[in-house]
Amino acid sequence: MQELFGFASLIKDASASRGDSDARLLVAAAGAGADLFITGDKAVLKRKSVGAMRIVSPRDAWLILFGPEPAA
């Protein structure tokens, strides 16, 4: 786990509305260059994307990253 901190970087707080913590988090993630934002929050999933960053469920993220499960 410790080696993951080498990939972390500090970014500025997002300029989204201070009252909308979801929007602030999404804008910050997109601004940091994230390709995917993975969440189970249905309200956040409805947004679909922020810029080029796609907002997906954990299952959709699995399919995007690893492809469909092999047929049994």
PDB file of N, CA and C in Angstrom:
ATOM      1  N   MET A   1       0.813  -1.191   0.000  1.00  0.00           N
ATOM      2  CA  MET A   1       0.000   0.000   0.000  1.00  0.00           C
ATOM      3  C   MET A   1       0.861   1.263   0.000  1.00  0.00           C
ATOM      4  N   GLN A   2       1.935   1.231   0.729  1.00  0.00           N
ATOM      5  CA  GLN A   2       2.805   2.394   0.872  1.00  0.00           C
ATOM      6  C   GLN A   2       3.342   2.874  -0.480  1.00  0.00           C
ATOM      7  N   GLU A   3       3.628   1.950  -1.398  1.00  0.00           N
ATOM      8  CA  GLU A   3       4.176   2.334  -2.702  1.00  0.00           C
ATOM      9  C   GLU A   3       3.185   3.148  -3.533  1.00  0.00           C
ATOM     10  N   LEU A   4       1.890   3.043  -3.237  1.00  0.00           N
ATOM     11  CA  LEU A   4       0.889   3.816  -3.969  1.00  0.00           C
ATOM     12  C   LEU A   4       1.008   5.309  -3.695  1.00  0.00           C
ATOM     13  N   PHE A   5       1.522   5.678  -2.541  1.00  0.00           N
ATOM     14  CA  PHE A   5       1.664   7.092  -2.216  1.00  0.00           C
ATOM     15  C   PHE A   5       2.643   7.792  -3.147  1.00  0.00           C
ATOM     16  N   GLY A   6       3.524   7.060  -3.773  1.00  0.00           N
ATOM     17  CA  GLY A   6       4.462   7.638  -4.736  1.00  0.00           C
ATOM     18  C   GLY A   6       3.759   8.161  -5.978  1.00  0.00           C
ATOM     19  N   PHE A   7       2.553   7.682  -6.227  1.00  0.00           N
ATOM     20  CA  PHE A   7       1.775   8.108  -7.392  1.00  0.00           C
ATOM     21  C   PHE A   7       0.797   9.234  -7.060  1.00  0.00           C
ATOM     22  N   ALA A   8       0.642   9.546  -5.796  1.00  0.00           N
ATOM     23  CA  ALA A   8      -0.319  10.565  -5.368  1.00  0.00           C
ATOM     24  C   ALA A   8       0.239  11.961  -5.595  1.00  0.00           C
ATOM     25  N   SER A   9      -0.659  12.896  -5.870  1.00  0.00           N
ATOM     26  CA  SER A   9      -0.248  14.290  -5.980  1.00  0.00           C
ATOM     27  C   SER A   9      -1.351  15.174  -5.422  1.00  0.00           C
ATOM     28  N   LEU A  10      -0.965  16.292  -4.901  1.00  0.00           N
ATOM     29  CA  LEU A  10      -1.896  17.248  -4.326  1.00  0.00           C
ATOM     30  C   LEU A  10      -2.418  18.161  -5.425  1.00  0.00           C
ATOM     31  N   ILE A  11      -3.725  18.353  -5.475  1.00  0.00           N
ATOM     32  CA  ILE A  11      -4.302  19.255  -6.465  1.00  0.00           C
ATOM     33  C   ILE A  11      -5.066  20.360  -5.748  1.00  0.00           C
ATOM     34  N   LYS A  12      -5.299  21.461  -6.443  1.00  0.00           N
ATOM     35  CA  LYS A  12      -6.061  22.573  -5.873  1.00  0.00           C
ATOM     36  C   LYS A  12      -7.519  22.169  -5.718  1.00  0.00           C
ATOM     37  N   ASP A  13      -8.185  22.779  -4.764  1.00  0.00           N
ATOM     38  CA  ASP A  13      -9.605  22.538  -4.566  1.00  0.00           C
ATOM     39  C   ASP A  13     -10.359  22.982  -5.815  1.00  0.00           C
ATOM     40  N   ALA A  14     -11.373  22.233  -6.158  1.00  0.00           N
ATOM     41  CA  ALA A  14     -12.173  22.530  -7.350  1.00  0.00           C
ATOM     42  C   ALA A  14     -12.964  23.812  -7.153  1.00  0.00           C
ATOM     43  N   SER A  15     -13.232  24.483  -8.241  1.00  0.00           N
ATOM     44  CA  SER A  15     -13.950  25.755  -8.179  1.00  0.00           C
ATOM     45  C   SER A  15     -15.466  25.578  -8.299  1.00  0.00           C
ATOM     46  N   ALA A  16     -15.953  24.353  -8.189  1.00  0.00           N
ATOM     47  CA  ALA A  16     -17.398  24.103  -8.257  1.00  0.00           C
ATOM     48  C   ALA A  16     -18.071  24.687  -7.022  1.00  0.00           C
ATOM     49  N   SER A  17     -19.368  24.768  -7.065  1.00  0.00           N
ATOM     50  CA  SER A  17     -20.164  25.317  -5.971  1.00  0.00           C
ATOM     51  C   SER A  17     -19.785  24.666  -4.644  1.00  0.00           C
ATOM     52  N   ARG A  18     -19.528  25.464  -3.658  1.00  0.00           N
ATOM     53  CA  ARG A  18     -19.126  24.951  -2.334  1.00  0.00           C
ATOM     54  C   ARG A  18     -20.247  24.141  -1.680  1.00  0.00           C
ATOM     55  N   GLY A  19     -21.494  24.333  -2.074  1.00  0.00           N
ATOM     56  CA  GLY A  19     -22.605  23.605  -1.484  1.00  0.00           C
ATOM     57  C   GLY A  19     -22.817  22.227  -2.095  1.00  0.00           C
ATOM     58  N   ASP A  20     -22.167  21.934  -3.189  1.00  0.00           N
ATOM     59  CA  ASP A  20     -22.354  20.660  -3.881  1.00  0.00           C
ATOM     60  C   ASP A  20     -21.061  19.859  -3.791  1.00  0.00           C
ATOM     61  N   SER A  21     -20.946  19.045  -2.738  1.00  0.00           N
ATOM     62  CA  SER A  21     -19.704  18.301  -2.524  1.00  0.00           C
ATOM     63  C   SER A  21     -19.464  17.273  -3.622  1.00  0.00           C
ATOM     64  N   ASP A  22     -20.526  16.712  -4.216  1.00  0.00           N
ATOM     65  CA  ASP A  22     -20.349  15.776  -5.330  1.00  0.00           C
ATOM     66  C   ASP A  22     -19.696  16.477  -6.515  1.00  0.00           C
ATOM     67  N   ALA A  23     -20.200  17.653  -6.855  1.00  0.00           N
ATOM     68  CA  ALA A  23     -19.651  18.398  -7.991  1.00  0.00           C
ATOM     69  C   ALA A  23     -18.196  18.767  -7.733  1.00  0.00           C
ATOM     70  N   ARG A  24     -17.870  19.185  -6.524  1.00  0.00           N
ATOM     71  CA  ARG A  24     -16.482  19.544  -6.194  1.00  0.00           C
ATOM     72  C   ARG A  24     -15.564  18.353  -6.376  1.00  0.00           C
ATOM     73  N   LEU A  25     -15.990  17.189  -5.923  1.00  0.00           N
ATOM     74  CA  LEU A  25     -15.172  15.987  -6.042  1.00  0.00           C
ATOM     75  C   LEU A  25     -15.006  15.581  -7.507  1.00  0.00           C
ATOM     76  N   LEU A  26     -16.087  15.640  -8.270  1.00  0.00           N
ATOM     77  CA  LEU A  26     -16.030  15.275  -9.685  1.00  0.00           C
ATOM     78  C   LEU A  26     -15.143  16.229 -10.481  1.00  0.00           C
ATOM     79  N   VAL A  27     -15.276  17.521 -10.242  1.00  0.00           N
ATOM     80  CA  VAL A  27     -14.455  18.510 -10.946  1.00  0.00           C
ATOM     81  C   VAL A  27     -12.980  18.335 -10.567  1.00  0.00           C
ATOM     82  N   ALA A  28     -12.720  18.037  -9.302  1.00  0.00           N
ATOM     83  CA  ALA A  28     -11.334  17.821  -8.872  1.00  0.00           C
ATOM     84  C   ALA A  28     -10.747  16.584  -9.547  1.00  0.00           C
ATOM     85  N   ALA A  29     -11.516  15.502  -9.598  1.00  0.00           N
ATOM     86  CA  ALA A  29     -11.038  14.262 -10.240  1.00  0.00           C
ATOM     87  C   ALA A  29     -10.782  14.489 -11.728  1.00  0.00           C
ATOM     88  N   ALA A  30     -11.711  15.161 -12.397  1.00  0.00           N
ATOM     89  CA  ALA A  30     -11.538  15.441 -13.827  1.00  0.00           C
ATOM     90  C   ALA A  30     -10.331  16.355 -14.040  1.00  0.00           C
ATOM     91  N   GLY A  31     -10.177  17.354 -13.184  1.00  0.00           N
ATOM     92  CA  GLY A  31      -9.053  18.282 -13.291  1.00  0.00           C
ATOM     93  C   GLY A  31      -7.709  17.613 -13.045  1.00  0.00           C
ATOM     94  N   ALA A  32      -7.718  16.521 -12.279  1.00  0.00           N
ATOM     95  CA  ALA A  32      -6.487  15.778 -12.013  1.00  0.00           C
ATOM     96  C   ALA A  32      -6.156  14.806 -13.140  1.00  0.00           C
ATOM     97  N   GLY A  33      -7.053  14.711 -14.127  1.00  0.00           N
ATOM     98  CA  GLY A  33      -6.782  13.859 -15.283  1.00  0.00           C
ATOM     99  C   GLY A  33      -7.350  12.452 -15.204  1.00  0.00           C
ATOM    100  N   ALA A  34      -8.292  12.217 -14.285  1.00  0.00           N
ATOM    101  CA  ALA A  34      -8.882  10.880 -14.174  1.00  0.00           C
ATOM    102  C   ALA A  34      -9.671  10.539 -15.436  1.00  0.00           C
ATOM    103  N   ASP A  35      -9.560   9.311 -15.881  1.00  0.00           N
ATOM    104  CA  ASP A  35     -10.336   8.823 -17.025  1.00  0.00           C
ATOM    105  C   ASP A  35     -11.693   8.287 -16.579  1.00  0.00           C
ATOM    106  N   LEU A  36     -11.709   7.671 -15.396  1.00  0.00           N
ATOM    107  CA  LEU A  36     -12.928   7.078 -14.850  1.00  0.00           C
ATOM    108  C   LEU A  36     -13.138   7.550 -13.424  1.00  0.00           C
ATOM    109  N   PHE A  37     -14.391   7.770 -13.080  1.00  0.00           N
ATOM    110  CA  PHE A  37     -14.785   8.016 -11.697  1.00  0.00           C
ATOM    111  C   PHE A  37     -15.723   6.879 -11.347  1.00  0.00           C
ATOM    112  N   ILE A  38     -15.342   6.044 -10.403  1.00  0.00           N
ATOM    113  CA  ILE A  38     -16.091   4.835 -10.079  1.00  0.00           C
ATOM    114  C   ILE A  38     -16.874   5.066  -8.797  1.00  0.00           C
ATOM    115  N   THR A  39     -18.198   4.845  -8.872  1.00  0.00           N
ATOM    116  CA  THR A  39     -19.061   5.087  -7.722  1.00  0.00           C
ATOM    117  C   THR A  39     -20.305   4.213  -7.794  1.00  0.00           C
ATOM    118  N   GLY A  40     -20.874   3.968  -6.648  1.00  0.00           N
ATOM    119  CA  GLY A  40     -22.156   3.283  -6.571  1.00  0.00           C
ATOM    120  C   GLY A  40     -23.287   4.258  -6.288  1.00  0.00           C
ATOM    121  N   ASP A  41     -22.966   5.534  -6.140  1.00  0.00           N
ATOM    122  CA  ASP A  41     -23.953   6.569  -5.834  1.00  0.00           C
ATOM    123  C   ASP A  41     -24.815   6.845  -7.071  1.00  0.00           C
ATOM    124  N   LYS A  42     -26.095   6.518  -6.980  1.00  0.00           N
ATOM    125  CA  LYS A  42     -26.993   6.648  -8.134  1.00  0.00           C
ATOM    126  C   LYS A  42     -27.120   8.092  -8.614  1.00  0.00           C
ATOM    127  N   ALA A  43     -27.113   9.042  -7.707  1.00  0.00           N
ATOM    128  CA  ALA A  43     -27.218  10.455  -8.104  1.00  0.00           C
ATOM    129  C   ALA A  43     -25.989  10.883  -8.898  1.00  0.00           C
ATOM    130  N   VAL A  44     -24.823  10.433  -8.493  1.00  0.00           N
ATOM    131  CA  VAL A  44     -23.586  10.777  -9.199  1.00  0.00           C
ATOM    132  C   VAL A  44     -23.543  10.056 -10.546  1.00  0.00           C
ATOM    133  N   LEU A  45     -23.969   8.795 -10.585  1.00  0.00           N
ATOM    134  CA  LEU A  45     -23.977   8.028 -11.832  1.00  0.00           C
ATOM    135  C   LEU A  45     -24.844   8.676 -12.909  1.00  0.00           C
ATOM    136  N   LYS A  46     -25.897   9.374 -12.495  1.00  0.00           N
ATOM    137  CA  LYS A  46     -26.783  10.036 -13.459  1.00  0.00           C
ATOM    138  C   LYS A  46     -26.063  11.128 -14.251  1.00  0.00           C
ATOM    139  N   ARG A  47     -24.980  11.650 -13.713  1.00  0.00           N
ATOM    140  CA  ARG A  47     -24.243  12.715 -14.402  1.00  0.00           C
ATOM    141  C   ARG A  47     -23.492  12.182 -15.627  1.00  0.00           C
ATOM    142  N   LYS A  48     -23.187  10.893 -15.675  1.00  0.00           N
ATOM    143  CA  LYS A  48     -22.559  10.189 -16.810  1.00  0.00           C
ATOM    144  C   LYS A  48     -21.117  10.594 -17.097  1.00  0.00           C
ATOM    145  N   SER A  49     -20.798  11.893 -17.079  1.00  0.00           N
ATOM    146  CA  SER A  49     -19.420  12.320 -17.358  1.00  0.00           C
ATOM    147  C   SER A  49     -19.206  13.749 -16.876  1.00  0.00           C
ATOM    148  N   VAL A  50     -17.938  14.077 -16.726  1.00  0.00           N
ATOM    149  CA  VAL A  50     -17.493  15.454 -16.482  1.00  0.00           C
ATOM    150  C   VAL A  50     -16.322  15.648 -17.431  1.00  0.00           C
ATOM    151  N   GLY A  51     -16.521  16.472 -18.441  1.00  0.00           N
ATOM    152  CA  GLY A  51     -15.500  16.605 -19.474  1.00  0.00           C
ATOM    153  C   GLY A  51     -15.280  15.250 -20.131  1.00  0.00           C
ATOM    154  N   ALA A  52     -14.028  14.836 -20.211  1.00  0.00           N
ATOM    155  CA  ALA A  52     -13.703  13.544 -20.820  1.00  0.00           C
ATOM    156  C   ALA A  52     -13.773  12.390 -19.813  1.00  0.00           C
ATOM    157  N   MET A  53     -13.922  12.701 -18.526  1.00  0.00           N
ATOM    158  CA  MET A  53     -13.971  11.672 -17.486  1.00  0.00           C
ATOM    159  C   MET A  53     -15.350  11.020 -17.434  1.00  0.00           C
ATOM    160  N   ARG A  54     -15.380   9.705 -17.585  1.00  0.00           N
ATOM    161  CA  ARG A  54     -16.637   8.958 -17.512  1.00  0.00           C
ATOM    162  C   ARG A  54     -16.934   8.586 -16.068  1.00  0.00           C
ATOM    163  N   ILE A  55     -18.207   8.651 -15.686  1.00  0.00           N
ATOM    164  CA  ILE A  55     -18.657   8.260 -14.352  1.00  0.00           C
ATOM    165  C   ILE A  55     -19.358   6.916 -14.504  1.00  0.00           C
ATOM    166  N   VAL A  56     -18.823   5.894 -13.833  1.00  0.00           N
ATOM    167  CA  VAL A  56     -19.311   4.536 -14.037  1.00  0.00           C
ATOM    168  C   VAL A  56     -19.490   3.799 -12.717  1.00  0.00           C
ATOM    169  N   SER A  57     -20.297   2.737 -12.770  1.00  0.00           N
ATOM    170  CA  SER A  57     -20.484   1.856 -11.623  1.00  0.00           C
ATOM    171  C   SER A  57     -19.270   0.945 -11.490  1.00  0.00           C
ATOM    172  N   PRO A  58     -19.097   0.311 -10.325  1.00  0.00           N
ATOM    173  CA  PRO A  58     -17.985  -0.637 -10.191  1.00  0.00           C
ATOM    174  C   PRO A  58     -18.045  -1.764 -11.234  1.00  0.00           C
ATOM    175  N   ARG A  59     -19.223  -2.270 -11.536  1.00  0.00           N
ATOM    176  CA  ARG A  59     -19.339  -3.334 -12.549  1.00  0.00           C
ATOM    177  C   ARG A  59     -18.916  -2.828 -13.926  1.00  0.00           C
ATOM    178  N   ASP A  60     -19.395  -1.643 -14.300  1.00  0.00           N
ATOM    179  CA  ASP A  60     -19.001  -1.084 -15.594  1.00  0.00           C
ATOM    180  C   ASP A  60     -17.494  -0.829 -15.649  1.00  0.00           C
ATOM    181  N   ALA A  61     -16.919  -0.398 -14.538  1.00  0.00           N
ATOM    182  CA  ALA A  61     -15.473  -0.170 -14.499  1.00  0.00           C
ATOM    183  C   ALA A  61     -14.738  -1.487 -14.739  1.00  0.00           C
ATOM    184  N   TRP A  62     -15.207  -2.556 -14.116  1.00  0.00           N
ATOM    185  CA  TRP A  62     -14.591  -3.869 -14.321  1.00  0.00           C
ATOM    186  C   TRP A  62     -14.624  -4.250 -15.802  1.00  0.00           C
ATOM    187  N   LEU A  63     -15.777  -4.064 -16.433  1.00  0.00           N
ATOM    188  CA  LEU A  63     -15.910  -4.411 -17.837  1.00  0.00           C
ATOM    189  C   LEU A  63     -15.019  -3.546 -18.728  1.00  0.00           C
ATOM    190  N   ILE A  64     -14.913  -2.276 -18.406  1.00  0.00           N
ATOM    191  CA  ILE A  64     -14.059  -1.358 -19.173  1.00  0.00           C
ATOM    192  C   ILE A  64     -12.593  -1.758 -19.022  1.00  0.00           C
ATOM    193  N   LEU A  65     -12.188  -2.072 -17.803  1.00  0.00           N
ATOM    194  CA  LEU A  65     -10.781  -2.344 -17.536  1.00  0.00           C
ATOM    195  C   LEU A  65     -10.351  -3.764 -17.902  1.00  0.00           C
ATOM    196  N   PHE A  66     -11.249  -4.717 -17.713  1.00  0.00           N
ATOM    197  CA  PHE A  66     -10.851  -6.126 -17.865  1.00  0.00           C
ATOM    198  C   PHE A  66     -11.657  -6.893 -18.895  1.00  0.00           C
ATOM    199  N   GLY A  67     -12.683  -6.269 -19.481  1.00  0.00           N
ATOM    200  CA  GLY A  67     -13.496  -6.955 -20.483  1.00  0.00           C
ATOM    201  C   GLY A  67     -14.558  -7.835 -19.858  1.00  0.00           C
ATOM    202  N   PRO A  68     -15.399  -8.417 -20.676  1.00  0.00           N
ATOM    203  CA  PRO A  68     -16.473  -9.265 -20.175  1.00  0.00           C
ATOM    204  C   PRO A  68     -15.922 -10.558 -19.550  1.00  0.00           C
ATOM    205  N   GLU A  69     -16.689 -11.090 -18.630  1.00  0.00           N
ATOM    206  CA  GLU A  69     -16.314 -12.356 -18.013  1.00  0.00           C
ATOM    207  C   GLU A  69     -16.395 -13.471 -19.040  1.00  0.00           C
ATOM    208  N   PRO A  70     -15.490 -14.429 -18.978  1.00  0.00           N
ATOM    209  CA  PRO A  70     -15.562 -15.540 -19.940  1.00  0.00           C
ATOM    210  C   PRO A  70     -16.840 -16.358 -19.746  1.00  0.00           C
ATOM    211  N   ALA A  71     -17.374 -16.867 -20.822  1.00  0.00           N
ATOM    212  CA  ALA A  71     -18.568 -17.703 -20.749  1.00  0.00           C
ATOM    213  C   ALA A  71     -18.218 -19.017 -20.067  1.00  0.00           C
ATOM    214  N   ALA A  72     -19.130 -19.501 -19.273  1.00  0.00           N
ATOM    215  CA  ALA A  72     -18.878 -20.759 -18.527  1.00  0.00           C
ATOM    216  C   ALA A  72     -19.030 -21.962 -19.416  1.00  0.00           C
TER     217      ALA A  72
END
